[in-house]
Amino acid sequence: MQFEFDEKIDLSIQKSIRSALRLFKERRGLAQESGTAQRPPSYEEFESVVMEIMESNKQADLTKMRTPSLRDLFDRAWSQKLRNYATQKQMRDSYEALKRRY
């Protein structure tokens, strides 16, 4: 069961990061259309947007689970995954790519 959660969590994290990148890309496009100067977001701003999206995805997945023990297991796996070095590196790399586009 843990393996299935890991894949599901990895996919959710990747989707959340891509969604945040799309959001900032749209913001930049709207700023360019209106002619205002747009500065790149800070890492803290980027991270908070990604975390908000991840939390909403997590809550959606938790509501699909029927038993409290599965919810608890999923919640613990999720917390471990967020502290994982690879996840943090993926977020930093995505932020650096976003900064280069500005």
PDB file of N, CA and C in Angstrom:
ATOM      1  N   MET A   1       0.813  -1.200   0.000  1.00  0.00           N
ATOM      2  CA  MET A   1       0.000   0.000   0.000  1.00  0.00           C
ATOM      3  C   MET A   1       0.857   1.265   0.000  1.00  0.00           C
ATOM      4  N   GLN A   2       1.983   1.215   0.718  1.00  0.00           N
ATOM      5  CA  GLN A   2       2.868   2.375   0.786  1.00  0.00           C
ATOM      6  C   GLN A   2       3.354   2.761  -0.604  1.00  0.00           C
ATOM      7  N   PHE A   3       3.669   1.770  -1.430  1.00  0.00           N
ATOM      8  CA  PHE A   3       4.167   2.040  -2.769  1.00  0.00           C
ATOM      9  C   PHE A   3       3.133   2.790  -3.592  1.00  0.00           C
ATOM     10  N   GLU A   4       1.883   2.416  -3.481  1.00  0.00           N
ATOM     11  CA  GLU A   4       0.825   3.110  -4.221  1.00  0.00           C
ATOM     12  C   GLU A   4       0.687   4.550  -3.746  1.00  0.00           C
ATOM     13  N   PHE A   5       0.825   4.759  -2.449  1.00  0.00           N
ATOM     14  CA  PHE A   5       0.762   6.119  -1.929  1.00  0.00           C
ATOM     15  C   PHE A   5       1.929   6.952  -2.452  1.00  0.00           C
ATOM     16  N   ASP A   6       3.114   6.357  -2.482  1.00  0.00           N
ATOM     17  CA  ASP A   6       4.281   7.099  -2.945  1.00  0.00           C
ATOM     18  C   ASP A   6       4.092   7.589  -4.373  1.00  0.00           C
ATOM     19  N   GLU A   7       3.613   6.717  -5.231  1.00  0.00           N
ATOM     20  CA  GLU A   7       3.389   7.127  -6.619  1.00  0.00           C
ATOM     21  C   GLU A   7       2.322   8.214  -6.705  1.00  0.00           C
ATOM     22  N   LYS A   8       1.266   8.057  -5.945  1.00  0.00           N
ATOM     23  CA  LYS A   8       0.177   9.031  -5.953  1.00  0.00           C
ATOM     24  C   LYS A   8       0.665  10.387  -5.430  1.00  0.00           C
ATOM     25  N   ILE A   9       1.470  10.358  -4.374  1.00  0.00           N
ATOM     26  CA  ILE A   9       1.988  11.592  -3.794  1.00  0.00           C
ATOM     27  C   ILE A   9       2.972  12.249  -4.745  1.00  0.00           C
ATOM     28  N   ASP A  10       3.854  11.459  -5.344  1.00  0.00           N
ATOM     29  CA  ASP A  10       4.808  12.023  -6.312  1.00  0.00           C
ATOM     30  C   ASP A  10       4.078  12.707  -7.463  1.00  0.00           C
ATOM     31  N   LEU A  11       3.076  12.063  -7.974  1.00  0.00           N
ATOM     32  CA  LEU A  11       2.300  12.631  -9.072  1.00  0.00           C
ATOM     33  C   LEU A  11       1.611  13.927  -8.643  1.00  0.00           C
ATOM     34  N   SER A  12       1.065  13.934  -7.451  1.00  0.00           N
ATOM     35  CA  SER A  12       0.387  15.118  -6.934  1.00  0.00           C
ATOM     36  C   SER A  12       1.364  16.275  -6.747  1.00  0.00           C
ATOM     37  N   ILE A  13       2.555  15.986  -6.264  1.00  0.00           N
ATOM     38  CA  ILE A  13       3.570  17.023  -6.078  1.00  0.00           C
ATOM     39  C   ILE A  13       3.982  17.596  -7.425  1.00  0.00           C
ATOM     40  N   GLN A  14       4.207  16.730  -8.401  1.00  0.00           N
ATOM     41  CA  GLN A  14       4.582  17.200  -9.733  1.00  0.00           C
ATOM     42  C   GLN A  14       3.486  18.061 -10.347  1.00  0.00           C
ATOM     43  N   LYS A  15       2.237  17.642 -10.186  1.00  0.00           N
ATOM     44  CA  LYS A  15       1.115  18.428 -10.711  1.00  0.00           C
ATOM     45  C   LYS A  15       1.030  19.782 -10.026  1.00  0.00           C
ATOM     46  N   SER A  16       1.275  19.809  -8.720  1.00  0.00           N
ATOM     47  CA  SER A  16       1.202  21.058  -7.973  1.00  0.00           C
ATOM     48  C   SER A  16       2.279  22.034  -8.426  1.00  0.00           C
ATOM     49  N   ILE A  17       3.464  21.533  -8.643  1.00  0.00           N
ATOM     50  CA  ILE A  17       4.559  22.396  -9.095  1.00  0.00           C
ATOM     51  C   ILE A  17       4.274  22.919 -10.495  1.00  0.00           C
ATOM     52  N   ARG A  18       3.789  22.056 -11.376  1.00  0.00           N
ATOM     53  CA  ARG A  18       3.447  22.505 -12.736  1.00  0.00           C
ATOM     54  C   ARG A  18       2.317  23.534 -12.702  1.00  0.00           C
ATOM     55  N   SER A  19       1.352  23.338 -11.823  1.00  0.00           N
ATOM     56  CA  SER A  19       0.238  24.290 -11.707  1.00  0.00           C
ATOM     57  C   SER A  19       0.734  25.652 -11.236  1.00  0.00           C
ATOM     58  N   ALA A  20       1.646  25.645 -10.282  1.00  0.00           N
ATOM     59  CA  ALA A  20       2.201  26.906  -9.787  1.00  0.00           C
ATOM     60  C   ALA A  20       3.001  27.604 -10.886  1.00  0.00           C
ATOM     61  N   LEU A  21       3.768  26.839 -11.647  1.00  0.00           N
ATOM     62  CA  LEU A  21       4.524  27.438 -12.751  1.00  0.00           C
ATOM     63  C   LEU A  21       3.581  28.059 -13.785  1.00  0.00           C
ATOM     64  N   ARG A  22       2.479  27.353 -14.095  1.00  0.00           N
ATOM     65  CA  ARG A  22       1.486  27.902 -15.025  1.00  0.00           C
ATOM     66  C   ARG A  22       0.868  29.183 -14.486  1.00  0.00           C
ATOM     67  N   LEU A  23       0.573  29.202 -13.201  1.00  0.00           N
ATOM     68  CA  LEU A  23      -0.021  30.380 -12.573  1.00  0.00           C
ATOM     69  C   LEU A  23       0.900  31.585 -12.704  1.00  0.00           C
ATOM     70  N   PHE A  24       2.180  31.405 -12.395  1.00  0.00           N
ATOM     71  CA  PHE A  24       3.118  32.522 -12.494  1.00  0.00           C
ATOM     72  C   PHE A  24       3.364  32.919 -13.949  1.00  0.00           C
ATOM     73  N   LYS A  25       3.312  31.969 -14.861  1.00  0.00           N
ATOM     74  CA  LYS A  25       3.458  32.282 -16.282  1.00  0.00           C
ATOM     75  C   LYS A  25       2.275  33.131 -16.759  1.00  0.00           C
ATOM     76  N   GLU A  26       1.080  32.772 -16.308  1.00  0.00           N
ATOM     77  CA  GLU A  26      -0.109  33.563 -16.665  1.00  0.00           C
ATOM     78  C   GLU A  26      -0.029  34.960 -16.082  1.00  0.00           C
ATOM     79  N   ARG A  27       0.429  35.072 -14.839  1.00  0.00           N
ATOM     80  CA  ARG A  27       0.587  36.392 -14.223  1.00  0.00           C
ATOM     81  C   ARG A  27       1.564  37.261 -15.014  1.00  0.00           C
ATOM     82  N   ARG A  28       2.667  36.635 -15.437  1.00  0.00           N
ATOM     83  CA  ARG A  28       3.667  37.376 -16.207  1.00  0.00           C
ATOM     84  C   ARG A  28       3.081  37.831 -17.538  1.00  0.00           C
ATOM     85  N   GLY A  29       2.308  36.943 -18.183  1.00  0.00           N
ATOM     86  CA  GLY A  29       1.686  37.296 -19.459  1.00  0.00           C
ATOM     87  C   GLY A  29       0.687  38.438 -19.304  1.00  0.00           C
ATOM     88  N   LEU A  30      -0.107  38.398 -18.246  1.00  0.00           N
ATOM     89  CA  LEU A  30      -1.064  39.482 -18.007  1.00  0.00           C
ATOM     90  C   LEU A  30      -0.353  40.802 -17.727  1.00  0.00           C
ATOM     91  N   ALA A  31       0.749  40.732 -17.009  1.00  0.00           N
ATOM     92  CA  ALA A  31       1.515  41.939 -16.725  1.00  0.00           C
ATOM     93  C   ALA A  31       2.124  42.511 -18.003  1.00  0.00           C
ATOM     94  N   GLN A  32       2.593  41.645 -18.886  1.00  0.00           N
ATOM     95  CA  GLN A  32       3.169  42.119 -20.143  1.00  0.00           C
ATOM     96  C   GLN A  32       2.102  42.736 -21.034  1.00  0.00           C
ATOM     97  N   GLU A  33       0.906  42.145 -21.041  1.00  0.00           N
ATOM     98  CA  GLU A  33      -0.189  42.699 -21.835  1.00  0.00           C
ATOM     99  C   GLU A  33      -0.592  44.079 -21.357  1.00  0.00           C
ATOM    100  N   SER A  34      -0.588  44.271 -20.056  1.00  0.00           N
ATOM    101  CA  SER A  34      -0.992  45.566 -19.514  1.00  0.00           C
ATOM    102  C   SER A  34       0.161  46.566 -19.528  1.00  0.00           C
ATOM    103  N   GLY A  35       1.367  46.095 -19.815  1.00  0.00           N
ATOM    104  CA  GLY A  35       2.508  46.991 -19.939  1.00  0.00           C
ATOM    105  C   GLY A  35       3.194  47.313 -18.630  1.00  0.00           C
ATOM    106  N   THR A  36       2.871  46.612 -17.573  1.00  0.00           N
ATOM    107  CA  THR A  36       3.520  46.855 -16.293  1.00  0.00           C
ATOM    108  C   THR A  36       4.723  45.940 -16.142  1.00  0.00           C
ATOM    109  N   ALA A  37       5.696  46.421 -15.397  1.00  0.00           N
ATOM    110  CA  ALA A  37       6.895  45.622 -15.161  1.00  0.00           C
ATOM    111  C   ALA A  37       6.588  44.550 -14.118  1.00  0.00           C
ATOM    112  N   GLN A  38       7.009  43.369 -14.400  1.00  0.00           N
ATOM    113  CA  GLN A  38       6.748  42.248 -13.498  1.00  0.00           C
ATOM    114  C   GLN A  38       8.080  41.710 -13.009  1.00  0.00           C
ATOM    115  N   ARG A  39       8.228  41.644 -11.717  1.00  0.00           N
ATOM    116  CA  ARG A  39       9.454  41.066 -11.163  1.00  0.00           C
ATOM    117  C   ARG A  39       9.181  39.599 -10.817  1.00  0.00           C
ATOM    118  N   PRO A  40      10.227  38.780 -10.816  1.00  0.00           N
ATOM    119  CA  PRO A  40      10.007  37.369 -10.487  1.00  0.00           C
ATOM    120  C   PRO A  40       9.549  37.225  -9.037  1.00  0.00           C
ATOM    121  N   PRO A  41       8.753  36.221  -8.745  1.00  0.00           N
ATOM    122  CA  PRO A  41       8.305  36.022  -7.370  1.00  0.00           C
ATOM    123  C   PRO A  41       9.470  35.566  -6.489  1.00  0.00           C
ATOM    124  N   SER A  42       9.362  35.815  -5.208  1.00  0.00           N
ATOM    125  CA  SER A  42      10.378  35.310  -4.287  1.00  0.00           C
ATOM    126  C   SER A  42      10.169  33.812  -4.117  1.00  0.00           C
ATOM    127  N   TYR A  43      11.192  33.139  -3.621  1.00  0.00           N
ATOM    128  CA  TYR A  43      11.066  31.699  -3.410  1.00  0.00           C
ATOM    129  C   TYR A  43       9.969  31.408  -2.395  1.00  0.00           C
ATOM    130  N   GLU A  44       9.858  32.267  -1.381  1.00  0.00           N
ATOM    131  CA  GLU A  44       8.833  32.060  -0.354  1.00  0.00           C
ATOM    132  C   GLU A  44       7.435  32.149  -0.956  1.00  0.00           C
ATOM    133  N   GLU A  45       7.242  33.108  -1.869  1.00  0.00           N
ATOM    134  CA  GLU A  45       5.943  33.247  -2.528  1.00  0.00           C
ATOM    135  C   GLU A  45       5.652  32.017  -3.398  1.00  0.00           C
ATOM    136  N   PHE A  46       6.651  31.587  -4.151  1.00  0.00           N
ATOM    137  CA  PHE A  46       6.495  30.404  -5.000  1.00  0.00           C
ATOM    138  C   PHE A  46       6.185  29.174  -4.147  1.00  0.00           C
ATOM    139  N   GLU A  47       6.939  29.009  -3.070  1.00  0.00           N
ATOM    140  CA  GLU A  47       6.738  27.849  -2.201  1.00  0.00           C
ATOM    141  C   GLU A  47       5.358  27.864  -1.553  1.00  0.00           C
ATOM    142  N   SER A  48       4.892  29.038  -1.144  1.00  0.00           N
ATOM    143  CA  SER A  48       3.571  29.096  -0.502  1.00  0.00           C
ATOM    144  C   SER A  48       2.460  28.749  -1.485  1.00  0.00           C
ATOM    145  N   VAL A  49       2.591  29.183  -2.741  1.00  0.00           N
ATOM    146  CA  VAL A  49       1.590  28.844  -3.752  1.00  0.00           C
ATOM    147  C   VAL A  49       1.602  27.343  -4.016  1.00  0.00           C
ATOM    148  N   VAL A  50       2.799  26.766  -4.142  1.00  0.00           N
ATOM    149  CA  VAL A  50       2.907  25.321  -4.370  1.00  0.00           C
ATOM    150  C   VAL A  50       2.308  24.557  -3.191  1.00  0.00           C
ATOM    151  N   MET A  51       2.603  25.000  -1.976  1.00  0.00           N
ATOM    152  CA  MET A  51       2.088  24.319  -0.784  1.00  0.00           C
ATOM    153  C   MET A  51       0.565  24.408  -0.697  1.00  0.00           C
ATOM    154  N   GLU A  52       0.005  25.549  -1.078  1.00  0.00           N
ATOM    155  CA  GLU A  52      -1.463  25.680  -1.084  1.00  0.00           C
ATOM    156  C   GLU A  52      -2.093  24.697  -2.065  1.00  0.00           C
ATOM    157  N   ILE A  53      -1.512  24.604  -3.240  1.00  0.00           N
ATOM    158  CA  ILE A  53      -2.036  23.679  -4.251  1.00  0.00           C
ATOM    159  C   ILE A  53      -1.873  22.237  -3.771  1.00  0.00           C
ATOM    160  N   MET A  54      -0.718  21.928  -3.192  1.00  0.00           N
ATOM    161  CA  MET A  54      -0.487  20.582  -2.676  1.00  0.00           C
ATOM    162  C   MET A  54      -1.482  20.235  -1.574  1.00  0.00           C
ATOM    163  N   GLU A  55      -1.736  21.187  -0.697  1.00  0.00           N
ATOM    164  CA  GLU A  55      -2.669  20.931   0.407  1.00  0.00           C
ATOM    165  C   GLU A  55      -4.076  20.663  -0.111  1.00  0.00           C
ATOM    166  N   SER A  56      -4.494  21.409  -1.137  1.00  0.00           N
ATOM    167  CA  SER A  56      -5.829  21.151  -1.687  1.00  0.00           C
ATOM    168  C   SER A  56      -5.888  19.781  -2.366  1.00  0.00           C
ATOM    169  N   ASN A  57      -4.803  19.391  -3.050  1.00  0.00           N
ATOM    170  CA  ASN A  57      -4.749  18.054  -3.657  1.00  0.00           C
ATOM    171  C   ASN A  57      -4.767  16.968  -2.579  1.00  0.00           C
ATOM    172  N   LYS A  58      -4.040  17.214  -1.502  1.00  0.00           N
ATOM    173  CA  LYS A  58      -3.993  16.245  -0.406  1.00  0.00           C
ATOM    174  C   LYS A  58      -5.375  16.077   0.217  1.00  0.00           C
ATOM    175  N   GLN A  59      -6.057  17.184   0.452  1.00  0.00           N
ATOM    176  CA  GLN A  59      -7.387  17.109   1.049  1.00  0.00           C
ATOM    177  C   GLN A  59      -8.367  16.374   0.130  1.00  0.00           C
ATOM    178  N   ALA A  60      -8.236  16.611  -1.162  1.00  0.00           N
ATOM    179  CA  ALA A  60      -9.102  15.911  -2.118  1.00  0.00           C
ATOM    180  C   ALA A  60      -8.843  14.404  -2.070  1.00  0.00           C
ATOM    181  N   ASP A  61      -7.578  14.016  -1.982  1.00  0.00           N
ATOM    182  CA  ASP A  61      -7.251  12.591  -1.896  1.00  0.00           C
ATOM    183  C   ASP A  61      -7.717  11.989  -0.575  1.00  0.00           C
ATOM    184  N   LEU A  62      -7.588  12.758   0.504  1.00  0.00           N
ATOM    185  CA  LEU A  62      -8.008  12.251   1.815  1.00  0.00           C
ATOM    186  C   LEU A  62      -9.513  12.022   1.876  1.00  0.00           C
ATOM    187  N   THR A  63     -10.280  12.876   1.225  1.00  0.00           N
ATOM    188  CA  THR A  63     -11.736  12.702   1.269  1.00  0.00           C
ATOM    189  C   THR A  63     -12.182  11.459   0.503  1.00  0.00           C
ATOM    190  N   LYS A  64     -11.352  10.999  -0.427  1.00  0.00           N
ATOM    191  CA  LYS A  64     -11.687   9.790  -1.184  1.00  0.00           C
ATOM    192  C   LYS A  64     -11.446   8.517  -0.372  1.00  0.00           C
ATOM    193  N   MET A  65     -10.648   8.624   0.679  1.00  0.00           N
ATOM    194  CA  MET A  65     -10.331   7.449   1.485  1.00  0.00           C
ATOM    195  C   MET A  65     -11.405   7.237   2.541  1.00  0.00           C
ATOM    196  N   ARG A  66     -11.788   5.991   2.707  1.00  0.00           N
ATOM    197  CA  ARG A  66     -12.935   5.688   3.557  1.00  0.00           C
ATOM    198  C   ARG A  66     -12.564   5.422   5.010  1.00  0.00           C
ATOM    199  N   THR A  67     -11.430   4.807   5.261  1.00  0.00           N
ATOM    200  CA  THR A  67     -11.103   4.431   6.627  1.00  0.00           C
ATOM    201  C   THR A  67     -10.107   5.401   7.258  1.00  0.00           C
ATOM    202  N   PRO A  68     -10.254   5.662   8.548  1.00  0.00           N
ATOM    203  CA  PRO A  68      -9.309   6.568   9.235  1.00  0.00           C
ATOM    204  C   PRO A  68      -7.874   6.052   9.207  1.00  0.00           C
ATOM    205  N   SER A  69      -7.691   4.736   9.241  1.00  0.00           N
ATOM    206  CA  SER A  69      -6.324   4.210   9.228  1.00  0.00           C
ATOM    207  C   SER A  69      -5.638   4.494   7.889  1.00  0.00           C
ATOM    208  N   LEU A  70      -6.370   4.399   6.797  1.00  0.00           N
ATOM    209  CA  LEU A  70      -5.800   4.747   5.487  1.00  0.00           C
ATOM    210  C   LEU A  70      -5.485   6.234   5.414  1.00  0.00           C
ATOM    211  N   ARG A  71      -6.375   7.040   5.940  1.00  0.00           N
ATOM    212  CA  ARG A  71      -6.138   8.488   5.947  1.00  0.00           C
ATOM    213  C   ARG A  71      -4.884   8.827   6.733  1.00  0.00           C
ATOM    214  N   ASP A  72      -4.735   8.189   7.890  1.00  0.00           N
ATOM    215  CA  ASP A  72      -3.563   8.443   8.728  1.00  0.00           C
ATOM    216  C   ASP A  72      -2.286   7.993   8.026  1.00  0.00           C
ATOM    217  N   LEU A  73      -2.323   6.842   7.415  1.00  0.00           N
ATOM    218  CA  LEU A  73      -1.159   6.328   6.685  1.00  0.00           C
ATOM    219  C   LEU A  73      -0.796   7.253   5.518  1.00  0.00           C
ATOM    220  N   PHE A  74      -1.806   7.695   4.800  1.00  0.00           N
ATOM    221  CA  PHE A  74      -1.573   8.599   3.678  1.00  0.00           C
ATOM    222  C   PHE A  74      -1.009   9.928   4.170  1.00  0.00           C
ATOM    223  N   ASP A  75      -1.557  10.446   5.265  1.00  0.00           N
ATOM    224  CA  ASP A  75      -1.091  11.723   5.817  1.00  0.00           C
ATOM    225  C   ASP A  75       0.370  11.625   6.259  1.00  0.00           C
ATOM    226  N   ARG A  76       0.741  10.516   6.898  1.00  0.00           N
ATOM    227  CA  ARG A  76       2.135  10.340   7.316  1.00  0.00           C
ATOM    228  C   ARG A  76       3.061  10.211   6.110  1.00  0.00           C
ATOM    229  N   ALA A  77       2.642   9.461   5.113  1.00  0.00           N
ATOM    230  CA  ALA A  77       3.463   9.305   3.902  1.00  0.00           C
ATOM    231  C   ALA A  77       3.636  10.655   3.212  1.00  0.00           C
ATOM    232  N   TRP A  78       2.581  11.449   3.199  1.00  0.00           N
ATOM    233  CA  TRP A  78       2.622  12.775   2.582  1.00  0.00           C
ATOM    234  C   TRP A  78       3.622  13.678   3.313  1.00  0.00           C
ATOM    235  N   SER A  79       3.557  13.678   4.638  1.00  0.00           N
ATOM    236  CA  SER A  79       4.465  14.510   5.436  1.00  0.00           C
ATOM    237  C   SER A  79       5.918  14.114   5.219  1.00  0.00           C
ATOM    238  N   GLN A  80       6.180  12.819   5.158  1.00  0.00           N
ATOM    239  CA  GLN A  80       7.542  12.358   4.916  1.00  0.00           C
ATOM    240  C   GLN A  80       8.026  12.777   3.539  1.00  0.00           C
ATOM    241  N   LYS A  81       7.145  12.712   2.564  1.00  0.00           N
ATOM    242  CA  LYS A  81       7.515  13.058   1.199  1.00  0.00           C
ATOM    243  C   LYS A  81       7.856  14.538   1.074  1.00  0.00           C
ATOM    244  N   LEU A  82       7.139  15.394   1.808  1.00  0.00           N
ATOM    245  CA  LEU A  82       7.413  16.828   1.733  1.00  0.00           C
ATOM    246  C   LEU A  82       8.756  17.184   2.360  1.00  0.00           C
ATOM    247  N   ARG A  83       9.185  16.415   3.332  1.00  0.00           N
ATOM    248  CA  ARG A  83      10.487  16.666   3.961  1.00  0.00           C
ATOM    249  C   ARG A  83      11.626  16.029   3.167  1.00  0.00           C
ATOM    250  N   ASN A  84      11.294  15.245   2.182  1.00  0.00           N
ATOM    251  CA  ASN A  84      12.264  14.526   1.366  1.00  0.00           C
ATOM    252  C   ASN A  84      13.141  15.520   0.600  1.00  0.00           C
ATOM    253  N   TYR A  85      14.436  15.226   0.537  1.00  0.00           N
ATOM    254  CA  TYR A  85      15.376  16.096  -0.167  1.00  0.00           C
ATOM    255  C   TYR A  85      15.015  16.234  -1.644  1.00  0.00           C
ATOM    256  N   ALA A  86      14.616  15.147  -2.273  1.00  0.00           N
ATOM    257  CA  ALA A  86      14.295  15.184  -3.704  1.00  0.00           C
ATOM    258  C   ALA A  86      13.122  16.122  -3.986  1.00  0.00           C
ATOM    259  N   THR A  87      12.144  16.128  -3.104  1.00  0.00           N
ATOM    260  CA  THR A  87      10.991  17.010  -3.286  1.00  0.00           C
ATOM    261  C   THR A  87      11.409  18.469  -3.141  1.00  0.00           C
ATOM    262  N   GLN A  88      12.218  18.749  -2.122  1.00  0.00           N
ATOM    263  CA  GLN A  88      12.699  20.117  -1.914  1.00  0.00           C
ATOM    264  C   GLN A  88      13.559  20.573  -3.101  1.00  0.00           C
ATOM    265  N   LYS A  89      14.395  19.679  -3.607  1.00  0.00           N
ATOM    266  CA  LYS A  89      15.238  20.011  -4.757  1.00  0.00           C
ATOM    267  C   LYS A  89      14.394  20.267  -6.004  1.00  0.00           C
ATOM    268  N   GLN A  90      13.360  19.463  -6.189  1.00  0.00           N
ATOM    269  CA  GLN A  90      12.470  19.649  -7.342  1.00  0.00           C
ATOM    270  C   GLN A  90      11.810  21.032  -7.281  1.00  0.00           C
ATOM    271  N   MET A  91      11.407  21.447  -6.096  1.00  0.00           N
ATOM    272  CA  MET A  91      10.800  22.777  -5.946  1.00  0.00           C
ATOM    273  C   MET A  91      11.820  23.873  -6.227  1.00  0.00           C
ATOM    274  N   ARG A  92      13.038  23.729  -5.688  1.00  0.00           N
ATOM    275  CA  ARG A  92      14.079  24.735  -5.930  1.00  0.00           C
ATOM    276  C   ARG A  92      14.440  24.819  -7.409  1.00  0.00           C
ATOM    277  N   ASP A  93      14.573  23.673  -8.059  1.00  0.00           N
ATOM    278  CA  ASP A  93      14.910  23.658  -9.486  1.00  0.00           C
ATOM    279  C   ASP A  93      13.807  24.302 -10.320  1.00  0.00           C
ATOM    280  N   SER A  94      12.566  24.030  -9.977  1.00  0.00           N
ATOM    281  CA  SER A  94      11.443  24.641 -10.699  1.00  0.00           C
ATOM    282  C   SER A  94      11.428  26.143 -10.495  1.00  0.00           C
ATOM    283  N   TYR A  95      11.737  26.583  -9.283  1.00  0.00           N
ATOM    284  CA  TYR A  95      11.787  28.020  -9.009  1.00  0.00           C
ATOM    285  C   TYR A  95      12.909  28.682  -9.808  1.00  0.00           C
ATOM    286  N   GLU A  96      14.062  28.038  -9.861  1.00  0.00           N
ATOM    287  CA  GLU A  96      15.189  28.593 -10.635  1.00  0.00           C
ATOM    288  C   GLU A  96      14.822  28.696 -12.113  1.00  0.00           C
ATOM    289  N   ALA A  97      14.132  27.700 -12.640  1.00  0.00           N
ATOM    290  CA  ALA A  97      13.704  27.745 -14.040  1.00  0.00           C
ATOM    291  C   ALA A  97      12.715  28.887 -14.247  1.00  0.00           C
ATOM    292  N   LEU A  98      11.830  29.100 -13.289  1.00  0.00           N
ATOM    293  CA  LEU A  98      10.881  30.197 -13.372  1.00  0.00           C
ATOM    294  C   LEU A  98      11.606  31.545 -13.348  1.00  0.00           C
ATOM    295  N   LYS A  99      12.592  31.675 -12.495  1.00  0.00           N
ATOM    296  CA  LYS A  99      13.351  32.927 -12.408  1.00  0.00           C
ATOM    297  C   LYS A  99      14.085  33.235 -13.707  1.00  0.00           C
ATOM    298  N   ARG A 100      14.606  32.200 -14.354  1.00  0.00           N
ATOM    299  CA  ARG A 100      15.353  32.419 -15.612  1.00  0.00           C
ATOM    300  C   ARG A 100      14.433  32.951 -16.704  1.00  0.00           C
ATOM    301  N   ARG A 101      13.147  32.649 -16.632  1.00  0.00           N
ATOM    302  CA  ARG A 101      12.218  33.102 -17.671  1.00  0.00           C
ATOM    303  C   ARG A 101      11.883  34.589 -17.543  1.00  0.00           C
ATOM    304  N   TYR A 102      12.100  35.150 -16.377  1.00  0.00           N
ATOM    305  CA  TYR A 102      11.765  36.579 -16.193  1.00  0.00           C
ATOM    306  C   TYR A 102      12.819  37.477 -16.755  1.00  0.00           C
TER     307      TYR A 102
END
